[in-house]
N, C-alpha and C. Protein backbone atom coordinates (compact mmCIF):
# COMPACT_ATOMS: atom_id res chain seq x y z
N MET A 1 20.74 2.31 5.73
CA MET A 1 20.59 1.92 4.64
C MET A 1 19.62 3.26 3.75
N GLY A 2 19.53 2.87 2.19
CA GLY A 2 18.70 3.80 1.45
C GLY A 2 17.26 3.72 1.33
N LEU A 3 16.70 4.29 0.85
CA LEU A 3 15.23 4.60 0.77
C LEU A 3 14.72 3.58 -0.38
N LYS A 4 13.73 2.82 0.36
CA LYS A 4 13.03 1.75 -0.83
C LYS A 4 11.66 2.04 -0.71
N VAL A 5 11.07 1.78 -2.21
CA VAL A 5 9.73 1.87 -2.33
C VAL A 5 9.25 0.42 -2.59
N ILE A 6 8.22 -0.08 -1.94
CA ILE A 6 7.76 -1.61 -1.80
C ILE A 6 6.37 -1.78 -2.15
N CYS A 7 5.89 -2.69 -2.87
CA CYS A 7 4.78 -3.14 -3.29
C CYS A 7 4.40 -4.70 -3.09
N VAL A 8 3.29 -5.27 -3.09
CA VAL A 8 3.05 -6.53 -3.02
C VAL A 8 2.19 -7.04 -4.21
N LEU A 9 2.75 -8.19 -4.65
CA LEU A 9 1.81 -8.98 -5.79
C LEU A 9 1.74 -10.31 -5.53
N LYS A 10 0.28 -10.62 -5.23
CA LYS A 10 0.01 -12.01 -4.90
C LYS A 10 -0.45 -12.55 -6.44
N SER A 11 -0.20 -13.52 -7.14
CA SER A 11 -0.78 -14.25 -8.24
C SER A 11 -2.18 -14.76 -8.12
N GLY A 12 -2.86 -14.92 -9.05
CA GLY A 12 -4.12 -15.48 -8.97
C GLY A 12 -5.25 -14.46 -8.83
N GLY A 13 -4.94 -13.09 -8.81
CA GLY A 13 -6.23 -11.85 -8.67
C GLY A 13 -5.94 -11.16 -10.02
N VAL A 14 -6.61 -9.94 -9.82
CA VAL A 14 -6.48 -9.04 -11.13
C VAL A 14 -5.41 -8.33 -11.47
N TYR A 15 -4.55 -8.32 -10.52
CA TYR A 15 -3.12 -7.76 -10.65
C TYR A 15 -2.09 -8.69 -11.43
N ASP A 16 -1.15 -8.14 -12.15
CA ASP A 16 -0.28 -8.85 -12.36
C ASP A 16 1.09 -8.04 -12.77
N ARG A 17 2.16 -8.57 -13.27
CA ARG A 17 3.70 -7.98 -13.33
C ARG A 17 3.48 -6.56 -14.04
N GLU A 18 2.41 -6.37 -14.94
CA GLU A 18 2.33 -4.99 -15.61
C GLU A 18 1.90 -3.85 -14.56
N TRP A 19 0.95 -4.06 -13.76
CA TRP A 19 0.84 -3.13 -12.58
C TRP A 19 1.97 -2.88 -11.76
N VAL A 20 2.79 -3.89 -11.42
CA VAL A 20 4.13 -3.68 -10.78
C VAL A 20 5.04 -2.53 -11.92
N ARG A 21 5.16 -2.84 -12.93
CA ARG A 21 5.71 -1.95 -14.03
C ARG A 21 5.21 -0.76 -13.83
N LYS A 22 4.15 -0.65 -13.93
CA LYS A 22 3.53 0.98 -13.96
C LYS A 22 3.89 1.48 -12.68
N LEU A 23 3.62 1.14 -11.71
CA LEU A 23 3.82 1.47 -10.52
C LEU A 23 5.37 2.00 -10.27
N LYS A 24 6.17 1.07 -10.67
CA LYS A 24 7.76 1.37 -10.53
C LYS A 24 8.11 2.73 -11.18
N GLU A 25 7.43 2.73 -12.54
CA GLU A 25 7.68 3.63 -13.52
C GLU A 25 7.09 4.98 -13.15
N GLY A 26 5.93 4.75 -12.22
CA GLY A 26 5.37 6.29 -12.07
C GLY A 26 6.01 6.66 -10.91
N VAL A 27 6.66 6.01 -9.79
CA VAL A 27 7.44 6.35 -8.90
C VAL A 27 9.02 6.76 -9.52
N ALA A 28 9.36 6.34 -10.42
CA ALA A 28 10.67 6.60 -10.76
C ALA A 28 10.43 8.26 -11.62
N GLN A 29 9.56 8.39 -12.21
CA GLN A 29 9.25 9.69 -12.97
C GLN A 29 9.06 10.81 -12.00
N HIS A 30 8.35 10.38 -10.97
CA HIS A 30 7.96 11.69 -10.05
C HIS A 30 8.62 11.57 -8.83
N MET A 31 9.78 11.07 -8.61
CA MET A 31 10.63 10.94 -7.42
C MET A 31 12.03 11.42 -7.69
N SER A 32 12.69 12.45 -6.93
CA SER A 32 13.82 12.99 -7.08
C SER A 32 15.00 12.14 -6.21
N GLN A 33 14.42 11.60 -5.21
CA GLN A 33 15.46 11.11 -4.29
C GLN A 33 15.92 9.79 -4.74
N PRO A 34 17.17 9.14 -4.69
CA PRO A 34 17.54 7.73 -5.03
C PRO A 34 16.81 6.72 -4.14
N HIS A 35 16.42 5.85 -4.77
CA HIS A 35 15.58 4.72 -4.24
C HIS A 35 15.82 3.32 -4.97
N ASP A 36 15.50 2.27 -4.39
CA ASP A 36 15.26 1.12 -4.75
C ASP A 36 13.78 0.69 -4.80
N PHE A 37 13.39 0.30 -5.93
CA PHE A 37 11.82 -0.42 -5.90
C PHE A 37 11.81 -1.82 -5.87
N VAL A 38 11.11 -2.35 -4.85
CA VAL A 38 11.23 -3.72 -4.54
C VAL A 38 9.66 -4.19 -4.56
N CYS A 39 9.57 -5.46 -4.82
CA CYS A 39 8.29 -5.88 -5.02
C CYS A 39 8.38 -7.37 -4.10
N LEU A 40 7.19 -7.56 -3.06
CA LEU A 40 7.32 -8.70 -2.42
C LEU A 40 5.99 -9.62 -3.24
N SER A 41 6.55 -10.79 -3.90
CA SER A 41 5.67 -11.53 -4.88
C SER A 41 6.17 -13.25 -4.97
N ASP A 42 4.94 -13.89 -5.61
CA ASP A 42 5.25 -15.52 -5.64
C ASP A 42 5.59 -15.24 -7.23
N VAL A 43 5.63 -14.54 -8.06
CA VAL A 43 6.06 -14.28 -9.44
C VAL A 43 7.15 -13.68 -9.85
N GLU A 44 7.83 -13.79 -10.86
CA GLU A 44 8.84 -12.99 -11.49
C GLU A 44 8.31 -11.58 -11.78
N VAL A 45 8.97 -10.42 -11.39
CA VAL A 45 8.50 -9.24 -11.82
C VAL A 45 9.79 -8.43 -12.25
N ASP A 46 9.51 -7.26 -12.76
CA ASP A 46 10.49 -6.37 -13.79
C ASP A 46 10.97 -5.63 -12.71
N CYS A 47 11.42 -6.17 -11.41
CA CYS A 47 12.24 -5.11 -10.29
C CYS A 47 12.90 -6.35 -9.29
N GLU A 48 13.71 -5.80 -8.54
CA GLU A 48 13.97 -6.73 -7.39
C GLU A 48 12.82 -7.23 -6.67
N ARG A 49 12.86 -8.75 -6.43
CA ARG A 49 11.71 -9.46 -5.80
C ARG A 49 12.18 -10.06 -4.85
N ILE A 50 11.55 -9.98 -3.60
CA ILE A 50 11.50 -10.67 -2.30
C ILE A 50 10.45 -11.86 -2.32
N PRO A 51 10.84 -13.12 -2.37
CA PRO A 51 9.73 -14.18 -2.34
C PRO A 51 8.53 -14.01 -1.31
N LEU A 52 7.44 -14.25 -1.57
CA LEU A 52 6.37 -14.42 -0.40
C LEU A 52 6.66 -15.86 0.21
N GLN A 53 6.51 -16.10 1.13
CA GLN A 53 6.86 -17.34 1.76
C GLN A 53 5.49 -18.14 2.09
N HIS A 54 4.36 -17.34 2.12
CA HIS A 54 2.85 -18.10 2.50
C HIS A 54 1.85 -17.87 1.38
N ASP A 55 1.00 -18.68 1.28
CA ASP A 55 0.07 -18.67 0.38
C ASP A 55 -1.20 -18.03 0.93
N TRP A 56 -1.08 -16.91 1.57
CA TRP A 56 -2.27 -16.22 2.10
C TRP A 56 -2.94 -15.56 1.02
N THR A 57 -4.19 -15.53 0.92
CA THR A 57 -5.11 -15.05 -0.12
C THR A 57 -5.08 -13.59 -0.24
N GLY A 58 -5.31 -12.99 -1.48
CA GLY A 58 -5.79 -11.76 -1.78
C GLY A 58 -4.75 -10.48 -1.00
N TRP A 59 -5.55 -9.75 -0.16
CA TRP A 59 -4.61 -8.73 0.25
C TRP A 59 -4.07 -9.17 1.73
N TRP A 60 -4.40 -10.19 2.16
CA TRP A 60 -3.77 -10.72 3.31
C TRP A 60 -2.29 -10.89 3.11
N SER A 61 -1.83 -10.97 1.86
CA SER A 61 -0.43 -11.39 1.81
C SER A 61 0.54 -10.01 2.16
N LYS A 62 -0.26 -8.91 2.29
CA LYS A 62 0.45 -7.69 2.87
C LYS A 62 1.11 -7.87 4.20
N VAL A 63 0.64 -9.01 4.80
CA VAL A 63 0.80 -9.14 6.25
C VAL A 63 2.41 -9.55 6.13
N GLU A 64 3.20 -10.23 4.95
CA GLU A 64 4.28 -10.57 4.83
C GLU A 64 5.33 -9.33 4.73
N LEU A 65 4.93 -8.11 4.79
CA LEU A 65 5.73 -6.84 4.79
C LEU A 65 6.21 -6.92 6.25
N PHE A 66 5.39 -7.53 7.08
CA PHE A 66 5.80 -7.39 8.56
C PHE A 66 6.69 -8.79 9.09
N ARG A 67 6.88 -9.40 7.91
CA ARG A 67 7.93 -10.51 8.38
C ARG A 67 9.11 -10.20 8.63
N PRO A 68 9.90 -10.62 9.78
CA PRO A 68 11.34 -10.08 10.06
C PRO A 68 12.20 -10.21 8.88
N GLY A 69 13.03 -9.46 8.71
CA GLY A 69 13.94 -9.23 7.57
C GLY A 69 13.38 -8.61 6.21
N VAL A 70 11.90 -8.56 6.16
CA VAL A 70 11.64 -8.05 4.92
C VAL A 70 11.84 -6.46 4.70
N ILE A 71 11.67 -5.64 5.86
CA ILE A 71 11.80 -4.13 5.91
C ILE A 71 13.03 -3.82 6.55
N LYS A 72 14.14 -3.22 5.82
CA LYS A 72 15.30 -2.85 6.34
C LYS A 72 15.58 -1.26 6.06
N GLY A 73 15.31 -0.49 7.11
CA GLY A 73 15.42 0.89 6.49
C GLY A 73 14.39 1.68 5.99
N PRO A 74 14.38 2.83 5.77
CA PRO A 74 13.22 3.55 5.55
C PRO A 74 12.47 3.02 4.12
N THR A 75 11.19 2.57 4.33
CA THR A 75 10.40 2.20 3.19
C THR A 75 9.06 2.52 3.17
N LEU A 76 8.75 2.87 1.95
CA LEU A 76 7.53 3.35 1.74
C LEU A 76 6.64 2.34 0.94
N TYR A 77 5.75 1.84 1.61
CA TYR A 77 4.89 0.81 1.11
C TYR A 77 3.58 1.40 -0.07
N LEU A 78 3.46 1.02 -1.18
CA LEU A 78 2.27 1.34 -1.92
C LEU A 78 1.40 0.37 -2.45
N ASP A 79 -0.17 0.44 -2.43
CA ASP A 79 -0.65 -0.62 -3.20
C ASP A 79 -0.47 -0.61 -4.93
N LEU A 80 -0.77 -1.46 -5.54
CA LEU A 80 -0.46 -1.71 -6.84
C LEU A 80 -1.38 -0.53 -7.71
N ASP A 81 -2.70 -0.57 -7.16
CA ASP A 81 -3.55 0.28 -7.72
C ASP A 81 -3.66 2.01 -7.34
N THR A 82 -2.15 2.29 -7.22
CA THR A 82 -1.76 3.69 -6.77
C THR A 82 -1.23 4.43 -8.18
N ILE A 83 -1.82 5.66 -8.23
CA ILE A 83 -1.24 6.37 -9.48
C ILE A 83 -0.35 7.62 -9.05
N ILE A 84 0.66 7.75 -9.37
CA ILE A 84 1.93 8.84 -8.97
C ILE A 84 1.47 10.02 -9.91
N THR A 85 1.24 11.08 -9.73
CA THR A 85 0.71 12.11 -10.57
C THR A 85 1.64 13.57 -10.41
N GLY A 86 2.49 13.39 -9.18
CA GLY A 86 3.59 14.63 -9.18
C GLY A 86 4.50 14.15 -7.89
N PRO A 87 5.07 15.26 -7.86
CA PRO A 87 6.22 15.02 -6.59
C PRO A 87 5.69 14.06 -5.42
N ARG A 88 6.60 13.18 -5.01
CA ARG A 88 6.25 12.38 -3.87
C ARG A 88 7.32 12.61 -2.89
N ASP A 89 8.18 13.35 -2.95
CA ASP A 89 9.15 13.22 -1.93
C ASP A 89 8.64 13.59 -0.33
N ASP A 90 7.72 14.19 -0.43
CA ASP A 90 6.97 14.57 0.81
C ASP A 90 6.85 13.31 1.77
N PHE A 91 6.67 12.19 1.26
CA PHE A 91 6.13 10.98 1.93
C PHE A 91 7.13 10.12 2.05
N THR A 92 8.49 10.50 1.80
CA THR A 92 9.51 9.64 2.32
C THR A 92 10.37 9.82 3.21
N ASP A 93 9.96 10.62 4.01
CA ASP A 93 10.68 11.13 5.36
C ASP A 93 9.97 11.44 6.38
N LEU A 94 8.83 10.55 6.61
CA LEU A 94 8.19 11.12 7.85
C LEU A 94 8.56 10.68 8.91
N PRO A 95 8.38 11.46 9.98
CA PRO A 95 8.81 11.38 11.38
C PRO A 95 8.22 10.44 12.28
N TYR A 96 7.93 9.40 11.71
CA TYR A 96 7.24 8.26 12.70
C TYR A 96 7.95 6.95 12.13
N ASP A 97 8.04 6.06 13.09
CA ASP A 97 8.53 4.70 12.92
C ASP A 97 7.94 3.78 11.95
N PHE A 98 6.40 4.06 12.27
CA PHE A 98 5.21 3.57 11.56
C PHE A 98 4.22 4.17 11.34
N ALA A 99 3.69 4.43 9.89
CA ALA A 99 2.38 5.21 9.82
C ALA A 99 1.68 4.44 8.71
N MET A 100 0.38 4.58 8.88
CA MET A 100 -0.40 4.14 7.65
C MET A 100 -1.38 5.39 7.14
N LEU A 101 -1.96 5.09 5.95
CA LEU A 101 -2.75 5.98 5.41
C LEU A 101 -3.98 6.28 6.28
N GLU A 102 -4.30 7.70 6.30
CA GLU A 102 -5.60 8.05 6.91
C GLU A 102 -6.78 7.36 5.81
N ASN A 103 -7.86 6.93 6.69
CA ASN A 103 -8.88 6.12 5.84
C ASN A 103 -9.80 7.29 5.27
N PHE A 104 -10.09 7.34 3.90
CA PHE A 104 -10.68 8.44 3.24
C PHE A 104 -11.85 8.45 3.64
N ASN A 105 -12.68 7.21 3.95
CA ASN A 105 -14.10 7.12 4.22
C ASN A 105 -14.20 7.31 5.73
N SER A 106 -13.24 7.01 6.50
CA SER A 106 -13.52 7.04 8.02
C SER A 106 -12.20 7.64 8.52
N PRO A 107 -12.10 9.02 8.43
CA PRO A 107 -10.77 9.57 9.07
C PRO A 107 -10.03 9.09 10.32
N ASP A 108 -11.16 8.56 11.40
CA ASP A 108 -10.86 7.81 12.62
C ASP A 108 -10.23 6.65 12.51
N MET A 109 -10.20 6.04 11.47
CA MET A 109 -9.30 4.78 10.96
C MET A 109 -8.30 5.01 10.01
N VAL A 110 -7.73 4.06 9.69
CA VAL A 110 -6.68 3.64 8.95
C VAL A 110 -7.00 3.16 7.64
N GLY A 111 -6.11 3.19 6.68
CA GLY A 111 -6.08 2.33 5.51
C GLY A 111 -4.57 1.81 5.20
N SER A 112 -4.56 0.56 4.40
CA SER A 112 -3.37 -0.11 4.50
C SER A 112 -2.83 0.34 2.77
N GLY A 113 -3.49 1.19 2.03
CA GLY A 113 -2.84 1.33 0.70
C GLY A 113 -1.77 1.89 0.64
N MET A 114 -1.16 2.64 1.76
CA MET A 114 0.07 3.33 1.82
C MET A 114 0.32 3.00 3.29
N MET A 115 1.82 2.80 3.45
CA MET A 115 2.15 2.54 4.56
C MET A 115 3.77 2.95 4.66
N TRP A 116 4.35 3.65 6.06
CA TRP A 116 5.40 4.08 5.93
C TRP A 116 6.30 3.23 7.22
N PHE A 117 7.36 2.84 6.82
CA PHE A 117 8.30 2.00 7.84
C PHE A 117 9.71 3.10 7.97
N LYS A 118 10.06 3.34 9.01
CA LYS A 118 11.28 4.13 9.23
C LYS A 118 12.59 3.13 9.34
N ASP A 119 12.57 2.06 10.11
CA ASP A 119 13.51 1.04 10.19
C ASP A 119 13.20 -0.12 9.77
N GLU A 120 12.23 -0.69 10.99
CA GLU A 120 11.88 -2.18 10.77
C GLU A 120 10.00 -2.02 10.79
N ALA A 121 9.63 -3.16 10.43
CA ALA A 121 8.30 -3.36 10.47
C ALA A 121 7.89 -3.60 12.08
N PRO A 122 6.79 -3.38 12.60
CA PRO A 122 6.21 -3.89 13.90
C PRO A 122 6.01 -5.59 13.70
N SER A 123 7.01 -6.29 14.15
CA SER A 123 6.88 -7.73 13.62
C SER A 123 5.54 -8.55 14.36
N ILE A 124 4.79 -7.76 15.56
CA ILE A 124 3.62 -8.37 16.22
C ILE A 124 2.68 -8.56 15.14
N VAL A 125 2.45 -7.90 14.00
CA VAL A 125 1.45 -8.16 13.03
C VAL A 125 1.74 -9.26 12.34
N TYR A 126 2.97 -9.87 11.98
CA TYR A 126 3.25 -11.21 11.49
C TYR A 126 3.10 -12.29 12.25
N ASP A 127 3.82 -12.09 13.81
CA ASP A 127 4.12 -13.01 14.47
C ASP A 127 2.88 -13.47 14.95
N ARG A 128 1.64 -12.66 15.11
CA ARG A 128 0.36 -13.09 15.53
C ARG A 128 -0.49 -13.80 14.71
N PHE A 129 -0.40 -13.11 13.22
CA PHE A 129 -0.91 -13.85 12.09
C PHE A 129 -0.60 -15.37 11.98
N VAL A 130 0.76 -15.39 11.67
CA VAL A 130 1.25 -16.69 11.38
C VAL A 130 0.85 -17.90 12.32
N LEU A 131 0.36 -17.52 13.30
CA LEU A 131 -0.19 -18.63 14.33
C LEU A 131 -1.55 -18.96 14.08
N GLY A 132 -2.23 -18.22 13.16
CA GLY A 132 -3.79 -18.67 12.98
C GLY A 132 -4.26 -18.11 11.86
N PRO A 133 -3.52 -18.00 10.62
CA PRO A 133 -4.17 -17.18 9.64
C PRO A 133 -5.57 -17.26 9.29
N GLU A 134 -6.03 -18.60 9.13
CA GLU A 134 -7.43 -18.99 8.81
C GLU A 134 -8.54 -18.28 9.81
N ARG A 135 -8.04 -18.64 10.89
CA ARG A 135 -8.92 -17.92 12.18
C ARG A 135 -9.25 -16.50 12.07
N ILE A 136 -8.00 -15.93 11.84
CA ILE A 136 -7.93 -14.44 11.79
C ILE A 136 -8.66 -13.79 10.71
N ILE A 137 -8.55 -14.55 9.42
CA ILE A 137 -9.02 -13.87 8.28
C ILE A 137 -10.74 -13.98 8.44
N GLU A 138 -11.02 -15.42 8.99
CA GLU A 138 -12.33 -15.73 9.20
C GLU A 138 -13.13 -14.51 10.37
N HIS A 139 -12.35 -14.40 11.17
CA HIS A 139 -12.65 -13.12 12.05
C HIS A 139 -13.10 -11.79 11.54
N TYR A 140 -12.06 -11.40 10.74
CA TYR A 140 -12.41 -10.13 10.15
C TYR A 140 -13.36 -10.13 8.89
N ARG A 141 -13.57 -11.28 8.57
CA ARG A 141 -14.47 -11.25 7.40
C ARG A 141 -16.02 -11.28 8.28
N ASN A 142 -16.10 -11.99 9.49
CA ASN A 142 -17.16 -11.77 9.96
C ASN A 142 -17.47 -10.31 10.59
N MET A 143 -16.27 -9.48 11.09
CA MET A 143 -16.42 -8.38 11.73
C MET A 143 -16.47 -7.38 10.64
N LYS A 144 -16.54 -7.40 9.57
CA LYS A 144 -16.63 -6.31 8.57
C LYS A 144 -17.62 -5.27 8.76
N HIS A 145 -17.29 -4.13 8.89
CA HIS A 145 -18.14 -3.07 8.99
C HIS A 145 -17.69 -1.66 8.61
N GLY A 146 -18.17 -1.10 7.42
CA GLY A 146 -17.56 -0.11 6.64
C GLY A 146 -16.13 -0.27 6.28
N SER A 147 -15.42 0.52 6.83
CA SER A 147 -13.89 0.54 6.36
C SER A 147 -13.06 -0.41 7.59
N TYR A 148 -14.00 -0.90 8.58
CA TYR A 148 -13.23 -1.41 9.44
C TYR A 148 -13.38 -3.14 8.91
N MET A 149 -12.38 -3.41 7.96
CA MET A 149 -12.30 -4.83 7.37
C MET A 149 -10.96 -4.96 6.94
N GLY A 150 -10.48 -6.47 6.54
CA GLY A 150 -9.55 -6.82 6.09
C GLY A 150 -8.20 -6.76 6.82
N ASP A 151 -7.32 -6.73 6.07
CA ASP A 151 -5.78 -6.44 6.60
C ASP A 151 -5.53 -5.20 7.46
N GLN A 152 -6.21 -4.19 6.90
CA GLN A 152 -6.25 -2.91 7.57
C GLN A 152 -6.74 -2.82 8.93
N ALA A 153 -7.70 -3.38 9.37
CA ALA A 153 -8.25 -3.64 10.52
C ALA A 153 -7.36 -4.49 11.40
N TYR A 154 -7.03 -5.37 10.73
CA TYR A 154 -6.28 -6.47 11.68
C TYR A 154 -4.96 -5.59 12.05
N ILE A 155 -4.21 -5.09 11.30
CA ILE A 155 -2.94 -4.21 11.61
C ILE A 155 -3.44 -3.11 12.64
N TRP A 156 -4.33 -2.45 12.37
CA TRP A 156 -4.83 -1.37 13.30
C TRP A 156 -4.96 -1.98 14.60
N ASP A 157 -5.63 -3.06 14.60
CA ASP A 157 -5.85 -3.90 15.94
C ASP A 157 -4.63 -4.23 16.82
N CYS A 158 -3.87 -4.94 16.07
CA CYS A 158 -2.48 -5.26 16.44
C CYS A 158 -1.66 -4.32 17.08
N MET A 159 -2.03 -2.99 16.52
CA MET A 159 -1.19 -1.72 17.25
C MET A 159 -2.15 -1.14 18.12
N ASP A 160 -3.11 -1.68 18.73
CA ASP A 160 -3.95 -1.25 19.78
C ASP A 160 -4.39 -0.06 19.18
N ARG A 161 -5.01 0.00 18.02
CA ARG A 161 -5.73 1.48 17.19
C ARG A 161 -4.73 2.48 17.80
N LYS A 162 -3.36 2.51 17.86
CA LYS A 162 -2.70 3.78 17.91
C LYS A 162 -1.72 3.78 16.85
N VAL A 163 -2.16 4.48 15.82
CA VAL A 163 -1.18 4.54 14.51
C VAL A 163 -1.23 5.57 14.21
N ASN A 164 0.16 6.31 13.79
CA ASN A 164 0.25 7.40 13.26
C ASN A 164 -0.40 7.45 11.80
N THR A 165 -0.94 8.56 11.27
CA THR A 165 -1.43 8.46 9.73
C THR A 165 -0.72 9.38 9.10
N ILE A 166 -1.00 9.02 7.59
CA ILE A 166 -0.42 9.80 6.45
C ILE A 166 -1.49 10.44 6.00
N ALA A 167 -1.37 11.84 6.03
CA ALA A 167 -2.66 12.62 5.32
C ALA A 167 -1.89 13.92 4.75
N SER A 168 -2.49 14.16 3.70
CA SER A 168 -2.15 15.58 2.99
C SER A 168 -2.97 15.81 1.88
N PRO A 169 -2.80 17.34 1.45
CA PRO A 169 -4.02 17.63 0.27
C PRO A 169 -3.36 17.04 -1.13
N LYS A 170 -1.92 16.58 -1.04
CA LYS A 170 -1.25 15.99 -2.27
C LYS A 170 -1.59 14.40 -2.33
N LEU A 171 -2.08 13.88 -1.41
CA LEU A 171 -2.54 12.54 -1.65
C LEU A 171 -4.25 12.66 -1.49
N ARG A 172 -4.68 12.02 -2.66
CA ARG A 172 -6.31 12.05 -3.05
C ARG A 172 -6.58 10.65 -3.27
N SER A 173 -8.17 10.49 -2.81
CA SER A 173 -8.79 9.09 -3.35
C SER A 173 -9.48 9.44 -4.71
N TYR A 174 -9.51 8.65 -5.57
CA TYR A 174 -10.03 8.75 -7.00
C TYR A 174 -11.63 8.93 -6.70
N LYS A 175 -12.04 8.12 -5.88
CA LYS A 175 -13.52 7.87 -5.67
C LYS A 175 -14.21 9.39 -5.11
N ARG A 176 -13.31 9.95 -4.33
CA ARG A 176 -13.96 10.93 -3.52
C ARG A 176 -13.30 12.53 -4.07
N HIS A 177 -12.28 12.55 -4.72
CA HIS A 177 -11.65 13.68 -5.28
C HIS A 177 -11.41 13.80 -6.62
N CYS A 178 -11.36 12.85 -7.60
CA CYS A 178 -10.80 12.88 -8.80
C CYS A 178 -11.74 12.52 -10.01
N ARG A 179 -13.01 12.19 -9.58
CA ARG A 179 -13.87 11.84 -10.75
C ARG A 179 -14.07 13.02 -11.66
N ASN A 180 -13.95 13.97 -11.39
CA ASN A 180 -14.30 14.99 -12.35
C ASN A 180 -12.82 15.63 -12.77
N GLY A 181 -11.61 15.03 -12.51
CA GLY A 181 -10.57 15.51 -12.88
C GLY A 181 -9.37 15.35 -11.80
N LEU A 182 -8.24 15.83 -12.12
CA LEU A 182 -7.28 15.66 -11.15
C LEU A 182 -7.02 17.01 -10.30
N PRO A 183 -7.13 16.91 -8.97
CA PRO A 183 -7.20 18.40 -8.38
C PRO A 183 -5.59 18.93 -8.39
N GLU A 184 -5.63 20.11 -8.50
CA GLU A 184 -4.47 20.72 -8.58
C GLU A 184 -3.47 20.37 -7.19
N GLY A 185 -2.15 20.12 -7.53
CA GLY A 185 -1.35 19.84 -6.91
C GLY A 185 -1.27 18.46 -6.14
N THR A 186 -2.14 17.44 -6.83
CA THR A 186 -2.15 16.13 -6.39
C THR A 186 -0.97 15.27 -6.79
N SER A 187 -0.39 14.61 -5.72
CA SER A 187 0.87 13.80 -6.20
C SER A 187 0.72 12.23 -6.20
N ILE A 188 -0.37 11.91 -5.41
CA ILE A 188 -0.67 10.47 -5.15
C ILE A 188 -2.11 10.21 -5.17
N VAL A 189 -2.39 9.07 -6.21
CA VAL A 189 -4.15 9.02 -6.35
C VAL A 189 -4.30 7.45 -6.06
N CYS A 190 -5.12 7.49 -4.57
CA CYS A 190 -5.44 5.84 -4.34
C CYS A 190 -6.70 5.54 -4.73
N PHE A 191 -6.80 4.35 -5.30
CA PHE A 191 -7.99 3.58 -5.83
C PHE A 191 -8.84 2.92 -4.76
N HIS A 192 -8.28 2.31 -3.78
CA HIS A 192 -8.92 1.59 -2.71
C HIS A 192 -10.21 1.08 -3.23
N GLY A 193 -10.28 -0.03 -3.96
CA GLY A 193 -11.46 -0.80 -4.42
C GLY A 193 -11.93 -0.50 -5.83
N ARG A 194 -13.18 -0.49 -6.24
CA ARG A 194 -13.47 -0.20 -7.51
C ARG A 194 -14.10 1.33 -7.46
N PRO A 195 -13.96 1.96 -8.64
CA PRO A 195 -13.23 1.37 -9.89
C PRO A 195 -11.87 1.38 -9.68
N ARG A 196 -11.29 0.26 -10.48
CA ARG A 196 -9.94 0.25 -10.64
C ARG A 196 -9.28 1.26 -11.63
N PRO A 197 -8.03 1.61 -11.92
CA PRO A 197 -7.38 2.34 -12.93
C PRO A 197 -7.70 1.81 -14.17
N THR A 198 -7.89 0.65 -14.44
CA THR A 198 -8.33 -0.02 -15.69
C THR A 198 -9.87 0.10 -16.26
N GLU A 199 -10.68 0.88 -15.00
CA GLU A 199 -11.97 0.67 -15.53
C GLU A 199 -12.53 2.12 -15.59
N ILE A 200 -11.58 3.05 -15.67
CA ILE A 200 -12.46 4.66 -15.82
C ILE A 200 -11.81 5.16 -16.95
N ASN A 201 -12.24 6.49 -17.39
CA ASN A 201 -12.11 7.18 -18.51
C ASN A 201 -10.69 7.09 -19.01
N PRO A 202 -10.47 6.82 -20.34
CA PRO A 202 -9.14 6.48 -20.79
C PRO A 202 -8.33 7.95 -20.72
N ASP A 203 -9.07 8.93 -21.03
CA ASP A 203 -8.39 10.43 -20.98
C ASP A 203 -7.74 10.64 -19.76
N TRP A 204 -8.45 10.25 -18.64
CA TRP A 204 -7.93 10.72 -17.26
C TRP A 204 -6.76 9.72 -17.16
N MET A 205 -6.78 8.62 -17.46
CA MET A 205 -5.62 7.80 -17.51
C MET A 205 -4.31 7.87 -18.12
N ARG A 206 -4.45 9.05 -18.87
CA ARG A 206 -2.87 9.73 -19.30
C ARG A 206 -1.84 9.80 -17.91
N ASN A 207 -2.66 9.77 -16.82
CA ASN A 207 -1.62 10.01 -15.76
C ASN A 207 -0.92 8.73 -15.32
N TRP A 208 -1.58 7.74 -15.92
CA TRP A 208 -1.01 6.29 -15.49
C TRP A 208 0.26 6.03 -16.64
N VAL A 209 1.31 5.64 -16.02
CA VAL A 209 2.48 5.47 -17.27
C VAL A 209 2.23 4.18 -17.83
């Protein structure tokens, strides 16, 4: 199957279909490979949509990426608050069955703002969660410590904390690397929390489609 780029939009939060459009156009502008752009969502979007089946709150809707049948073939997941600023083909043929973003704040951990699936998603993440989502959400809320939080901590634990990571000088954190401008050679900027792309210097945001 051909390459897919996928995102998740759960209604009721700060994100809407405009964020999906901007990410889609940013990917198309900076990607040479043929690909399909898909959004897993509970509202209509300006691209192919896979309906969410559960009403899981906020970032926990990302667990549906691991629902059997959602990921079919090579797929790159990106959070909606991701800005594409340069060629990103380096991140679309990774030598792993599954990989997660190396955590910018704690390199020994992972982040879920970017994930790679070679063929299928590890379904254990969905299968465990669907048995008790409220209990799991409450557990990770109570266990929050630094970058150990939310869906990324849950996914990491499901994989026995043995996850290949995605790291590159082309992959930057806005908070850690880009406050004074875009470093040369950057292809992807992750915002992971506040500020969001809508909350920063408009001159810098010329990078946002």
